[in-house]
Amino acid sequence: TPEAYRAEIERLHDFFVAWFTGNTDRDEFGRVEDVLGPDFEL
């Protein structure tokens, strides 16, 4: 649903903020591997 997409985007945004500011553990990064598409670019 649009709400589910929005919630996922917000969770990923929160993760990236924590990652870029050094406030996340490496073991939390596995979740990102599951959601990044094969053609993802940063």
PDB file of all heavy atoms in Angstrom:
ATOM      1  N   THR A   1       0.861  -1.175   0.000  1.00  0.00           N
ATOM      2  CA  THR A   1       0.000   0.000   0.000  1.00  0.00           C
ATOM      3  C   THR A   1       0.903   1.232   0.000  1.00  0.00           C
ATOM      4  O   THR A   1       2.086   1.144   0.359  1.00  0.00           O
ATOM      5  CB  THR A   1      -0.885   0.038   1.251  1.00  0.00           C
ATOM      6  OG1 THR A   1      -0.034   0.176   2.403  1.00  0.00           O
ATOM      7  CG2 THR A   1      -1.749  -1.204   1.375  1.00  0.00           C
ATOM      8  N   PRO A   2       0.364   2.380  -0.365  1.00  0.00           N
ATOM      9  CA  PRO A   2       1.186   3.592  -0.273  1.00  0.00           C
ATOM     10  C   PRO A   2       1.742   3.813   1.135  1.00  0.00           C
ATOM     11  O   PRO A   2       2.879   4.237   1.300  1.00  0.00           O
ATOM     12  CB  PRO A   2       0.204   4.702  -0.665  1.00  0.00           C
ATOM     13  CG  PRO A   2      -0.781   4.031  -1.559  1.00  0.00           C
ATOM     14  CD  PRO A   2      -0.942   2.638  -0.974  1.00  0.00           C
ATOM     15  N   GLU A   3       0.967   3.466   2.144  1.00  0.00           N
ATOM     16  CA  GLU A   3       1.429   3.621   3.524  1.00  0.00           C
ATOM     17  C   GLU A   3       2.607   2.691   3.817  1.00  0.00           C
ATOM     18  O   GLU A   3       3.539   3.073   4.520  1.00  0.00           O
ATOM     19  CB  GLU A   3       0.284   3.353   4.506  1.00  0.00           C
ATOM     20  CG  GLU A   3      -0.837   4.366   4.440  1.00  0.00           C
ATOM     21  CD  GLU A   3      -1.822   4.130   3.278  1.00  0.00           C
ATOM     22  OE1 GLU A   3      -1.838   3.033   2.686  1.00  0.00           O
ATOM     23  OE2 GLU A   3      -2.560   5.073   2.963  1.00  0.00           O
ATOM     24  N   ALA A   4       2.548   1.470   3.296  1.00  0.00           N
ATOM     25  CA  ALA A   4       3.645   0.525   3.508  1.00  0.00           C
ATOM     26  C   ALA A   4       4.920   1.010   2.817  1.00  0.00           C
ATOM     27  O   ALA A   4       6.015   0.914   3.374  1.00  0.00           O
ATOM     28  CB  ALA A   4       3.264  -0.856   2.993  1.00  0.00           C
ATOM     29  N   TYR A   5       4.774   1.545   1.600  1.00  0.00           N
ATOM     30  CA  TYR A   5       5.943   2.091   0.898  1.00  0.00           C
ATOM     31  C   TYR A   5       6.530   3.263   1.675  1.00  0.00           C
ATOM     32  O   TYR A   5       7.738   3.373   1.843  1.00  0.00           O
ATOM     33  CB  TYR A   5       5.574   2.550  -0.510  1.00  0.00           C
ATOM     34  CG  TYR A   5       5.276   1.424  -1.466  1.00  0.00           C
ATOM     35  CD1 TYR A   5       4.085   1.400  -2.177  1.00  0.00           C
ATOM     36  CD2 TYR A   5       6.183   0.389  -1.676  1.00  0.00           C
ATOM     37  CE1 TYR A   5       3.804   0.379  -3.068  1.00  0.00           C
ATOM     38  CE2 TYR A   5       5.914  -0.632  -2.559  1.00  0.00           C
ATOM     39  CZ  TYR A   5       4.726  -0.641  -3.258  1.00  0.00           C
ATOM     40  OH  TYR A   5       4.453  -1.640  -4.138  1.00  0.00           O
ATOM     41  N   ARG A   6       5.663   4.133   2.138  1.00  0.00           N
ATOM     42  CA  ARG A   6       6.127   5.303   2.891  1.00  0.00           C
ATOM     43  C   ARG A   6       6.860   4.879   4.164  1.00  0.00           C
ATOM     44  O   ARG A   6       7.923   5.410   4.494  1.00  0.00           O
ATOM     45  CB  ARG A   6       4.948   6.212   3.235  1.00  0.00           C
ATOM     46  CG  ARG A   6       5.367   7.444   3.998  1.00  0.00           C
ATOM     47  CD  ARG A   6       4.161   8.285   4.400  1.00  0.00           C
ATOM     48  NE  ARG A   6       4.598   9.429   5.136  1.00  0.00           N
ATOM     49  CZ  ARG A   6       4.675  10.650   4.647  1.00  0.00           C
ATOM     50  NH1 ARG A   6       4.309  10.880   3.410  1.00  0.00           N
ATOM     51  NH2 ARG A   6       5.095  11.645   5.394  1.00  0.00           N
ATOM     52  N   ALA A   7       6.299   3.915   4.884  1.00  0.00           N
ATOM     53  CA  ALA A   7       6.927   3.442   6.120  1.00  0.00           C
ATOM     54  C   ALA A   7       8.301   2.852   5.837  1.00  0.00           C
ATOM     55  O   ALA A   7       9.254   3.093   6.586  1.00  0.00           O
ATOM     56  CB  ALA A   7       6.025   2.423   6.810  1.00  0.00           C
ATOM     57  N   GLU A   8       8.429   2.088   4.760  1.00  0.00           N
ATOM     58  CA  GLU A   8       9.727   1.497   4.406  1.00  0.00           C
ATOM     59  C   GLU A   8      10.737   2.584   4.048  1.00  0.00           C
ATOM     60  O   GLU A   8      11.889   2.531   4.477  1.00  0.00           O
ATOM     61  CB  GLU A   8       9.574   0.518   3.246  1.00  0.00           C
ATOM     62  CG  GLU A   8      10.871  -0.105   2.796  1.00  0.00           C
ATOM     63  CD  GLU A   8      11.568  -0.940   3.858  1.00  0.00           C
ATOM     64  OE1 GLU A   8      10.952  -1.306   4.873  1.00  0.00           O
ATOM     65  OE2 GLU A   8      12.772  -1.230   3.670  1.00  0.00           O
ATOM     66  N   ILE A   9      10.307   3.559   3.283  1.00  0.00           N
ATOM     67  CA  ILE A   9      11.212   4.662   2.916  1.00  0.00           C
ATOM     68  C   ILE A   9      11.667   5.406   4.173  1.00  0.00           C
ATOM     69  O   ILE A   9      12.854   5.730   4.314  1.00  0.00           O
ATOM     70  CB  ILE A   9      10.517   5.612   1.925  1.00  0.00           C
ATOM     71  CG1 ILE A   9      10.368   4.916   0.578  1.00  0.00           C
ATOM     72  CG2 ILE A   9      11.281   6.930   1.782  1.00  0.00           C
ATOM     73  CD1 ILE A   9       9.423   5.601  -0.383  1.00  0.00           C
ATOM     74  N   GLU A  10      10.751   5.643   5.095  1.00  0.00           N
ATOM     75  CA  GLU A  10      11.120   6.343   6.325  1.00  0.00           C
ATOM     76  C   GLU A  10      12.079   5.518   7.172  1.00  0.00           C
ATOM     77  O   GLU A  10      13.028   6.064   7.756  1.00  0.00           O
ATOM     78  CB  GLU A  10       9.867   6.725   7.101  1.00  0.00           C
ATOM     79  CG  GLU A  10       9.094   7.834   6.422  1.00  0.00           C
ATOM     80  CD  GLU A  10       7.784   8.173   7.091  1.00  0.00           C
ATOM     81  OE1 GLU A  10       7.368   7.466   8.043  1.00  0.00           O
ATOM     82  OE2 GLU A  10       7.155   9.160   6.656  1.00  0.00           O
ATOM     83  N   ARG A  11      11.869   4.203   7.253  1.00  0.00           N
ATOM     84  CA  ARG A  11      12.791   3.350   8.006  1.00  0.00           C
ATOM     85  C   ARG A  11      14.179   3.367   7.372  1.00  0.00           C
ATOM     86  O   ARG A  11      15.196   3.444   8.071  1.00  0.00           O
ATOM     87  CB  ARG A  11      12.261   1.918   8.089  1.00  0.00           C
ATOM     88  CG  ARG A  11      11.158   1.738   9.117  1.00  0.00           C
ATOM     89  CD  ARG A  11      10.827   0.272   9.348  1.00  0.00           C
ATOM     90  NE  ARG A  11      10.329  -0.392   8.149  1.00  0.00           N
ATOM     91  CZ  ARG A  11       9.045  -0.453   7.783  1.00  0.00           C
ATOM     92  NH1 ARG A  11       8.125   0.109   8.541  1.00  0.00           N
ATOM     93  NH2 ARG A  11       8.683  -1.090   6.696  1.00  0.00           N
ATOM     94  N   LEU A  12      14.226   3.287   6.051  1.00  0.00           N
ATOM     95  CA  LEU A  12      15.526   3.334   5.374  1.00  0.00           C
ATOM     96  C   LEU A  12      16.199   4.683   5.561  1.00  0.00           C
ATOM     97  O   LEU A  12      17.410   4.758   5.770  1.00  0.00           O
ATOM     98  CB  LEU A  12      15.365   3.027   3.881  1.00  0.00           C
ATOM     99  CG  LEU A  12      15.194   1.565   3.545  1.00  0.00           C
ATOM    100  CD1 LEU A  12      14.887   1.389   2.060  1.00  0.00           C
ATOM    101  CD2 LEU A  12      16.436   0.772   3.905  1.00  0.00           C
ATOM    102  N   HIS A  13      15.420   5.749   5.492  1.00  0.00           N
ATOM    103  CA  HIS A  13      15.989   7.075   5.718  1.00  0.00           C
ATOM    104  C   HIS A  13      16.600   7.159   7.112  1.00  0.00           C
ATOM    105  O   HIS A  13      17.727   7.647   7.281  1.00  0.00           O
ATOM    106  CB  HIS A  13      14.913   8.153   5.539  1.00  0.00           C
ATOM    107  CG  HIS A  13      15.435   9.524   5.791  1.00  0.00           C
ATOM    108  ND1 HIS A  13      15.347  10.126   7.022  1.00  0.00           N
ATOM    109  CD2 HIS A  13      16.074  10.403   4.981  1.00  0.00           C
ATOM    110  CE1 HIS A  13      15.903  11.316   6.958  1.00  0.00           C
ATOM    111  NE2 HIS A  13      16.346  11.512   5.731  1.00  0.00           N
ATOM    112  N   ASP A  14      15.871   6.690   8.105  1.00  0.00           N
ATOM    113  CA  ASP A  14      16.389   6.701   9.475  1.00  0.00           C
ATOM    114  C   ASP A  14      17.680   5.893   9.580  1.00  0.00           C
ATOM    115  O   ASP A  14      18.626   6.293  10.257  1.00  0.00           O
ATOM    116  CB  ASP A  14      15.350   6.158  10.453  1.00  0.00           C
ATOM    117  CG  ASP A  14      14.153   7.083  10.618  1.00  0.00           C
ATOM    118  OD1 ASP A  14      14.236   8.268  10.207  1.00  0.00           O
ATOM    119  OD2 ASP A  14      13.122   6.607  11.132  1.00  0.00           O
ATOM    120  N   PHE A  15      17.726   4.739   8.896  1.00  0.00           N
ATOM    121  CA  PHE A  15      18.948   3.933   8.905  1.00  0.00           C
ATOM    122  C   PHE A  15      20.102   4.715   8.293  1.00  0.00           C
ATOM    123  O   PHE A  15      21.204   4.754   8.845  1.00  0.00           O
ATOM    124  CB  PHE A  15      18.766   2.619   8.145  1.00  0.00           C
ATOM    125  CG  PHE A  15      20.085   1.943   7.912  1.00  0.00           C
ATOM    126  CD1 PHE A  15      20.668   1.185   8.904  1.00  0.00           C
ATOM    127  CD2 PHE A  15      20.777   2.126   6.724  1.00  0.00           C
ATOM    128  CE1 PHE A  15      21.921   0.602   8.720  1.00  0.00           C
ATOM    129  CE2 PHE A  15      22.015   1.554   6.523  1.00  0.00           C
ATOM    130  CZ  PHE A  15      22.585   0.794   7.525  1.00  0.00           C
ATOM    131  N   PHE A  16      19.877   5.315   7.116  1.00  0.00           N
ATOM    132  CA  PHE A  16      20.959   6.040   6.443  1.00  0.00           C
ATOM    133  C   PHE A  16      21.448   7.222   7.275  1.00  0.00           C
ATOM    134  O   PHE A  16      22.652   7.481   7.327  1.00  0.00           O
ATOM    135  CB  PHE A  16      20.540   6.485   5.045  1.00  0.00           C
ATOM    136  CG  PHE A  16      20.626   5.388   4.025  1.00  0.00           C
ATOM    137  CD1 PHE A  16      19.484   4.911   3.418  1.00  0.00           C
ATOM    138  CD2 PHE A  16      21.841   4.816   3.686  1.00  0.00           C
ATOM    139  CE1 PHE A  16      19.553   3.883   2.483  1.00  0.00           C
ATOM    140  CE2 PHE A  16      21.932   3.798   2.754  1.00  0.00           C
ATOM    141  CZ  PHE A  16      20.781   3.331   2.151  1.00  0.00           C
ATOM    142  N   VAL A  17      20.559   7.920   7.948  1.00  0.00           N
ATOM    143  CA  VAL A  17      20.984   9.011   8.830  1.00  0.00           C
ATOM    144  C   VAL A  17      21.895   8.457   9.923  1.00  0.00           C
ATOM    145  O   VAL A  17      22.970   8.994  10.192  1.00  0.00           O
ATOM    146  CB  VAL A  17      19.767   9.749   9.438  1.00  0.00           C
ATOM    147  CG1 VAL A  17      20.199  10.683  10.566  1.00  0.00           C
ATOM    148  CG2 VAL A  17      19.024  10.515   8.359  1.00  0.00           C
ATOM    149  N   ALA A  18      21.487   7.359  10.542  1.00  0.00           N
ATOM    150  CA  ALA A  18      22.304   6.749  11.594  1.00  0.00           C
ATOM    151  C   ALA A  18      23.650   6.283  11.045  1.00  0.00           C
ATOM    152  O   ALA A  18      24.697   6.460  11.675  1.00  0.00           O
ATOM    153  CB  ALA A  18      21.549   5.582  12.232  1.00  0.00           C
ATOM    154  N   TRP A  19      23.634   5.702   9.849  1.00  0.00           N
ATOM    155  CA  TRP A  19      24.877   5.207   9.231  1.00  0.00           C
ATOM    156  C   TRP A  19      25.826   6.365   8.926  1.00  0.00           C
ATOM    157  O   TRP A  19      26.998   6.332   9.281  1.00  0.00           O
ATOM    158  CB  TRP A  19      24.536   4.427   7.968  1.00  0.00           C
ATOM    159  CG  TRP A  19      25.708   3.930   7.184  1.00  0.00           C
ATOM    160  CD1 TRP A  19      26.847   3.343   7.666  1.00  0.00           C
ATOM    161  CD2 TRP A  19      25.864   3.942   5.763  1.00  0.00           C
ATOM    162  NE1 TRP A  19      27.682   2.990   6.637  1.00  0.00           N
ATOM    163  CE2 TRP A  19      27.103   3.352   5.467  1.00  0.00           C
ATOM    164  CE3 TRP A  19      25.050   4.404   4.725  1.00  0.00           C
ATOM    165  CZ2 TRP A  19      27.555   3.203   4.157  1.00  0.00           C
ATOM    166  CZ3 TRP A  19      25.509   4.237   3.422  1.00  0.00           C
ATOM    167  CH2 TRP A  19      26.747   3.651   3.152  1.00  0.00           C
ATOM    168  N   PHE A  20      25.317   7.402   8.277  1.00  0.00           N
ATOM    169  CA  PHE A  20      26.171   8.525   7.886  1.00  0.00           C
ATOM    170  C   PHE A  20      26.689   9.305   9.084  1.00  0.00           C
ATOM    171  O   PHE A  20      27.712   9.973   8.979  1.00  0.00           O
ATOM    172  CB  PHE A  20      25.434   9.457   6.931  1.00  0.00           C
ATOM    173  CG  PHE A  20      25.237   8.879   5.561  1.00  0.00           C
ATOM    174  CD1 PHE A  20      24.021   9.037   4.916  1.00  0.00           C
ATOM    175  CD2 PHE A  20      26.233   8.181   4.908  1.00  0.00           C
ATOM    176  CE1 PHE A  20      23.821   8.509   3.648  1.00  0.00           C
ATOM    177  CE2 PHE A  20      26.043   7.651   3.642  1.00  0.00           C
ATOM    178  CZ  PHE A  20      24.838   7.814   3.012  1.00  0.00           C
ATOM    179  N   THR A  21      25.997   9.249  10.195  1.00  0.00           N
ATOM    180  CA  THR A  21      26.456   9.962  11.382  1.00  0.00           C
ATOM    181  C   THR A  21      27.232   9.059  12.343  1.00  0.00           C
ATOM    182  O   THR A  21      27.598   9.482  13.432  1.00  0.00           O
ATOM    183  CB  THR A  21      25.271  10.607  12.124  1.00  0.00           C
ATOM    184  OG1 THR A  21      24.330   9.599  12.490  1.00  0.00           O
ATOM    185  CG2 THR A  21      24.607  11.669  11.275  1.00  0.00           C
ATOM    186  N   GLY A  22      27.468   7.813  11.933  1.00  0.00           N
ATOM    187  CA  GLY A  22      28.260   6.901  12.751  1.00  0.00           C
ATOM    188  C   GLY A  22      27.522   6.335  13.943  1.00  0.00           C
ATOM    189  O   GLY A  22      28.145   5.925  14.920  1.00  0.00           O
ATOM    190  N   ASN A  23      26.201   6.286  13.878  1.00  0.00           N
ATOM    191  CA  ASN A  23      25.404   5.812  15.007  1.00  0.00           C
ATOM    192  C   ASN A  23      24.697   4.492  14.733  1.00  0.00           C
ATOM    193  O   ASN A  23      23.584   4.268  15.216  1.00  0.00           O
ATOM    194  CB  ASN A  23      24.371   6.880  15.390  1.00  0.00           C
ATOM    195  CG  ASN A  23      25.030   8.118  15.921  1.00  0.00           C
ATOM    196  OD1 ASN A  23      25.898   8.043  16.777  1.00  0.00           O
ATOM    197  ND2 ASN A  23      24.648   9.269  15.401  1.00  0.00           N
ATOM    198  N   THR A  24      25.334   3.616  13.963  1.00  0.00           N
ATOM    199  CA  THR A  24      24.745   2.308  13.694  1.00  0.00           C
ATOM    200  C   THR A  24      25.841   1.247  13.710  1.00  0.00           C
ATOM    201  O   THR A  24      27.013   1.555  13.509  1.00  0.00           O
ATOM    202  CB  THR A  24      23.986   2.306  12.350  1.00  0.00           C
ATOM    203  OG1 THR A  24      23.265   1.092  12.230  1.00  0.00           O
ATOM    204  CG2 THR A  24      24.911   2.439  11.169  1.00  0.00           C
ATOM    205  N   ASP A  25      25.462   0.035  13.975  1.00  0.00           N
ATOM    206  CA  ASP A  25      26.403  -1.080  13.996  1.00  0.00           C
ATOM    207  C   ASP A  25      26.423  -1.771  12.638  1.00  0.00           C
ATOM    208  O   ASP A  25      25.433  -1.765  11.908  1.00  0.00           O
ATOM    209  CB  ASP A  25      25.999  -2.105  15.063  1.00  0.00           C
ATOM    210  CG  ASP A  25      26.083  -1.534  16.460  1.00  0.00           C
ATOM    211  OD1 ASP A  25      27.002  -0.722  16.716  1.00  0.00           O
ATOM    212  OD2 ASP A  25      25.227  -1.889  17.280  1.00  0.00           O
ATOM    213  N   ARG A  26      27.541  -2.400  12.328  1.00  0.00           N
ATOM    214  CA  ARG A  26      27.692  -3.109  11.050  1.00  0.00           C
ATOM    215  C   ARG A  26      26.632  -4.194  10.888  1.00  0.00           C
ATOM    216  O   ARG A  26      26.141  -4.410   9.787  1.00  0.00           O
ATOM    217  CB  ARG A  26      29.101  -3.723  10.965  1.00  0.00           C
ATOM    218  CG  ARG A  26      29.336  -4.588   9.766  1.00  0.00           C
ATOM    219  CD  ARG A  26      29.436  -3.770   8.499  1.00  0.00           C
ATOM    220  NE  ARG A  26      29.645  -4.661   7.371  1.00  0.00           N
ATOM    221  CZ  ARG A  26      29.154  -4.467   6.178  1.00  0.00           C
ATOM    222  NH1 ARG A  26      28.451  -3.400   5.923  1.00  0.00           N
ATOM    223  NH2 ARG A  26      29.372  -5.315   5.217  1.00  0.00           N
ATOM    224  N   ASP A  27      26.240  -4.857  11.972  1.00  0.00           N
ATOM    225  CA  ASP A  27      25.254  -5.929  11.856  1.00  0.00           C
ATOM    226  C   ASP A  27      23.876  -5.419  11.433  1.00  0.00           C
ATOM    227  O   ASP A  27      23.062  -6.171  10.916  1.00  0.00           O
ATOM    228  CB  ASP A  27      25.150  -6.740  13.147  1.00  0.00           C
ATOM    229  CG  ASP A  27      24.733  -5.918  14.354  1.00  0.00           C
ATOM    230  OD1 ASP A  27      24.926  -4.690  14.345  1.00  0.00           O
ATOM    231  OD2 ASP A  27      24.232  -6.522  15.306  1.00  0.00           O
ATOM    232  N   GLU A  28      23.615  -4.140  11.596  1.00  0.00           N
ATOM    233  CA  GLU A  28      22.350  -3.561  11.149  1.00  0.00           C
ATOM    234  C   GLU A  28      22.326  -3.351   9.636  1.00  0.00           C
ATOM    235  O   GLU A  28      21.267  -3.133   9.057  1.00  0.00           O
ATOM    236  CB  GLU A  28      22.099  -2.226  11.844  1.00  0.00           C
ATOM    237  CG  GLU A  28      21.878  -2.352  13.341  1.00  0.00           C
ATOM    238  CD  GLU A  28      21.687  -1.005  13.998  1.00  0.00           C
ATOM    239  OE1 GLU A  28      20.920  -0.187  13.457  1.00  0.00           O
ATOM    240  OE2 GLU A  28      22.316  -0.768  15.038  1.00  0.00           O
ATOM    241  N   PHE A  29      23.491  -3.412   9.006  1.00  0.00           N
ATOM    242  CA  PHE A  29      23.577  -3.121   7.583  1.00  0.00           C
ATOM    243  C   PHE A  29      22.992  -4.229   6.720  1.00  0.00           C
ATOM    244  O   PHE A  29      22.638  -4.003   5.568  1.00  0.00           O
ATOM    245  CB  PHE A  29      25.033  -2.866   7.186  1.00  0.00           C
ATOM    246  CG  PHE A  29      25.172  -1.972   6.005  1.00  0.00           C
ATOM    247  CD1 PHE A  29      25.042  -0.608   6.142  1.00  0.00           C
ATOM    248  CD2 PHE A  29      25.414  -2.489   4.754  1.00  0.00           C
ATOM    249  CE1 PHE A  29      25.145   0.233   5.052  1.00  0.00           C
ATOM    250  CE2 PHE A  29      25.524  -1.662   3.650  1.00  0.00           C
ATOM    251  CZ  PHE A  29      25.399  -0.300   3.808  1.00  0.00           C
ATOM    252  N   GLY A  30      22.833  -5.432   7.249  1.00  0.00           N
ATOM    253  CA  GLY A  30      22.263  -6.545   6.495  1.00  0.00           C
ATOM    254  C   GLY A  30      20.887  -6.229   5.937  1.00  0.00           C
ATOM    255  O   GLY A  30      20.530  -6.670   4.842  1.00  0.00           O
ATOM    256  N   ARG A  31      20.132  -5.449   6.646  1.00  0.00           N
ATOM    257  CA  ARG A  31      18.799  -5.072   6.177  1.00  0.00           C
ATOM    258  C   ARG A  31      18.869  -4.295   4.867  1.00  0.00           C
ATOM    259  O   ARG A  31      18.053  -4.462   3.977  1.00  0.00           O
ATOM    260  CB  ARG A  31      18.126  -4.217   7.246  1.00  0.00           C
ATOM    261  CG  ARG A  31      16.734  -3.829   6.906  1.00  0.00           C
ATOM    262  CD  ARG A  31      16.115  -3.056   8.083  1.00  0.00           C
ATOM    263  NE  ARG A  31      14.808  -2.614   7.702  1.00  0.00           N
ATOM    264  CZ  ARG A  31      14.574  -1.588   6.870  1.00  0.00           C
ATOM    265  NH1 ARG A  31      15.564  -0.920   6.370  1.00  0.00           N
ATOM    266  NH2 ARG A  31      13.350  -1.252   6.561  1.00  0.00           N
ATOM    267  N   VAL A  32      19.884  -3.442   4.753  1.00  0.00           N
ATOM    268  CA  VAL A  32      20.041  -2.654   3.537  1.00  0.00           C
ATOM    269  C   VAL A  32      20.349  -3.550   2.343  1.00  0.00           C
ATOM    270  O   VAL A  32      19.852  -3.328   1.242  1.00  0.00           O
ATOM    271  CB  VAL A  32      21.133  -1.583   3.725  1.00  0.00           C
ATOM    272  CG1 VAL A  32      21.419  -0.841   2.438  1.00  0.00           C
ATOM    273  CG2 VAL A  32      20.713  -0.604   4.806  1.00  0.00           C
ATOM    274  N   GLU A  33      21.149  -4.577   2.570  1.00  0.00           N
ATOM    275  CA  GLU A  33      21.450  -5.521   1.489  1.00  0.00           C
ATOM    276  C   GLU A  33      20.172  -6.120   0.914  1.00  0.00           C
ATOM    277  O   GLU A  33      20.088  -6.374  -0.285  1.00  0.00           O
ATOM    278  CB  GLU A  33      22.355  -6.639   1.996  1.00  0.00           C
ATOM    279  CG  GLU A  33      23.747  -6.170   2.323  1.00  0.00           C
ATOM    280  CD  GLU A  33      24.639  -7.305   2.768  1.00  0.00           C
ATOM    281  OE1 GLU A  33      24.958  -8.159   1.915  1.00  0.00           O
ATOM    282  OE2 GLU A  33      24.997  -7.336   3.954  1.00  0.00           O
ATOM    283  N   ASP A  34      19.190  -6.347   1.759  1.00  0.00           N
ATOM    284  CA  ASP A  34      17.932  -6.950   1.321  1.00  0.00           C
ATOM    285  C   ASP A  34      17.075  -6.021   0.471  1.00  0.00           C
ATOM    286  O   ASP A  34      16.281  -6.482  -0.338  1.00  0.00           O
ATOM    287  CB  ASP A  34      17.104  -7.401   2.529  1.00  0.00           C
ATOM    288  CG  ASP A  34      17.762  -8.518   3.307  1.00  0.00           C
ATOM    289  OD1 ASP A  34      18.613  -9.225   2.735  1.00  0.00           O
ATOM    290  OD2 ASP A  34      17.427  -8.670   4.493  1.00  0.00           O
ATOM    291  N   VAL A  35      17.222  -4.715   0.641  1.00  0.00           N
ATOM    292  CA  VAL A  35      16.315  -3.793  -0.040  1.00  0.00           C
ATOM    293  C   VAL A  35      16.931  -3.030  -1.210  1.00  0.00           C
ATOM    294  O   VAL A  35      16.193  -2.469  -2.013  1.00  0.00           O
ATOM    295  CB  VAL A  35      15.670  -2.792   0.945  1.00  0.00           C
ATOM    296  CG1 VAL A  35      14.834  -3.521   1.982  1.00  0.00           C
ATOM    297  CG2 VAL A  35      16.699  -1.899   1.581  1.00  0.00           C
ATOM    298  N   LEU A  36      18.262  -3.014  -1.309  1.00  0.00           N
ATOM    299  CA  LEU A  36      18.878  -2.293  -2.430  1.00  0.00           C
ATOM    300  C   LEU A  36      18.801  -3.131  -3.694  1.00  0.00           C
ATOM    301  O   LEU A  36      19.228  -4.274  -3.711  1.00  0.00           O
ATOM    302  CB  LEU A  36      20.344  -1.967  -2.132  1.00  0.00           C
ATOM    303  CG  LEU A  36      20.621  -1.021  -0.980  1.00  0.00           C
ATOM    304  CD1 LEU A  36      22.113  -0.752  -0.884  1.00  0.00           C
ATOM    305  CD2 LEU A  36      19.850   0.274  -1.111  1.00  0.00           C
ATOM    306  N   GLY A  37      18.275  -2.554  -4.739  1.00  0.00           N
ATOM    307  CA  GLY A  37      18.176  -3.244  -6.024  1.00  0.00           C
ATOM    308  C   GLY A  37      19.543  -3.461  -6.639  1.00  0.00           C
ATOM    309  O   GLY A  37      20.528  -2.809  -6.270  1.00  0.00           O
ATOM    310  N   PRO A  38      19.643  -4.381  -7.588  1.00  0.00           N
ATOM    311  CA  PRO A  38      20.934  -4.708  -8.201  1.00  0.00           C
ATOM    312  C   PRO A  38      21.571  -3.530  -8.930  1.00  0.00           C
ATOM    313  O   PRO A  38      22.788  -3.457  -9.046  1.00  0.00           O
ATOM    314  CB  PRO A  38      20.612  -5.849  -9.157  1.00  0.00           C
ATOM    315  CG  PRO A  38      19.143  -5.826  -9.333  1.00  0.00           C
ATOM    316  CD  PRO A  38      18.553  -5.169  -8.128  1.00  0.00           C
ATOM    317  N   ASP A  39      20.787  -2.571  -9.379  1.00  0.00           N
ATOM    318  CA  ASP A  39      21.317  -1.411 -10.100  1.00  0.00           C
ATOM    319  C   ASP A  39      21.456  -0.180  -9.213  1.00  0.00           C
ATOM    320  O   ASP A  39      21.691   0.922  -9.709  1.00  0.00           O
ATOM    321  CB  ASP A  39      20.418  -1.076 -11.293  1.00  0.00           C
ATOM    322  CG  ASP A  39      20.403  -2.182 -12.332  1.00  0.00           C
ATOM    323  OD1 ASP A  39      21.417  -2.890 -12.474  1.00  0.00           O
ATOM    324  OD2 ASP A  39      19.369  -2.351 -13.000  1.00  0.00           O
ATOM    325  N   PHE A  40      21.336  -0.360  -7.899  1.00  0.00           N
ATOM    326  CA  PHE A  40      21.419   0.762  -6.966  1.00  0.00           C
ATOM    327  C   PHE A  40      22.754   1.479  -7.112  1.00  0.00           C
ATOM    328  O   PHE A  40      23.807   0.859  -7.266  1.00  0.00           O
ATOM    329  CB  PHE A  40      21.277   0.260  -5.524  1.00  0.00           C
ATOM    330  CG  PHE A  40      21.495   1.340  -4.500  1.00  0.00           C
ATOM    331  CD1 PHE A  40      20.456   2.181  -4.138  1.00  0.00           C
ATOM    332  CD2 PHE A  40      22.735   1.508  -3.908  1.00  0.00           C
ATOM    333  CE1 PHE A  40      20.661   3.191  -3.196  1.00  0.00           C
ATOM    334  CE2 PHE A  40      22.940   2.508  -2.968  1.00  0.00           C
ATOM    335  CZ  PHE A  40      21.907   3.345  -2.615  1.00  0.00           C
ATOM    336  N   GLU A  41      22.706   2.805  -7.056  1.00  0.00           N
ATOM    337  CA  GLU A  41      23.905   3.623  -6.995  1.00  0.00           C
ATOM    338  C   GLU A  41      23.698   4.703  -5.934  1.00  0.00           C
ATOM    339  O   GLU A  41      22.610   5.260  -5.812  1.00  0.00           O
ATOM    340  CB  GLU A  41      24.174   4.335  -8.317  1.00  0.00           C
ATOM    341  CG  GLU A  41      24.664   3.449  -9.416  1.00  0.00           C
ATOM    342  CD  GLU A  41      25.009   4.250 -10.656  1.00  0.00           C
ATOM    343  OE1 GLU A  41      24.281   5.222 -10.971  1.00  0.00           O
ATOM    344  OE2 GLU A  41      26.011   3.927 -11.286  1.00  0.00           O
ATOM    345  N   LEU A  42      24.753   4.971  -5.199  1.00  0.00           N
ATOM    346  CA  LEU A  42      24.757   6.058  -4.230  1.00  0.00           C
ATOM    347  C   LEU A  42      25.509   7.211  -4.873  1.00  0.00           C
ATOM    348  O   LEU A  42      26.629   7.023  -5.359  1.00  0.00           O
ATOM    349  CB  LEU A  42      25.459   5.627  -2.943  1.00  0.00           C
ATOM    350  CG  LEU A  42      25.645   6.704  -1.878  1.00  0.00           C
ATOM    351  CD1 LEU A  42      24.303   7.031  -1.230  1.00  0.00           C
ATOM    352  CD2 LEU A  42      26.634   6.251  -0.834  1.00  0.00           C
TER     353      LEU A  42
END
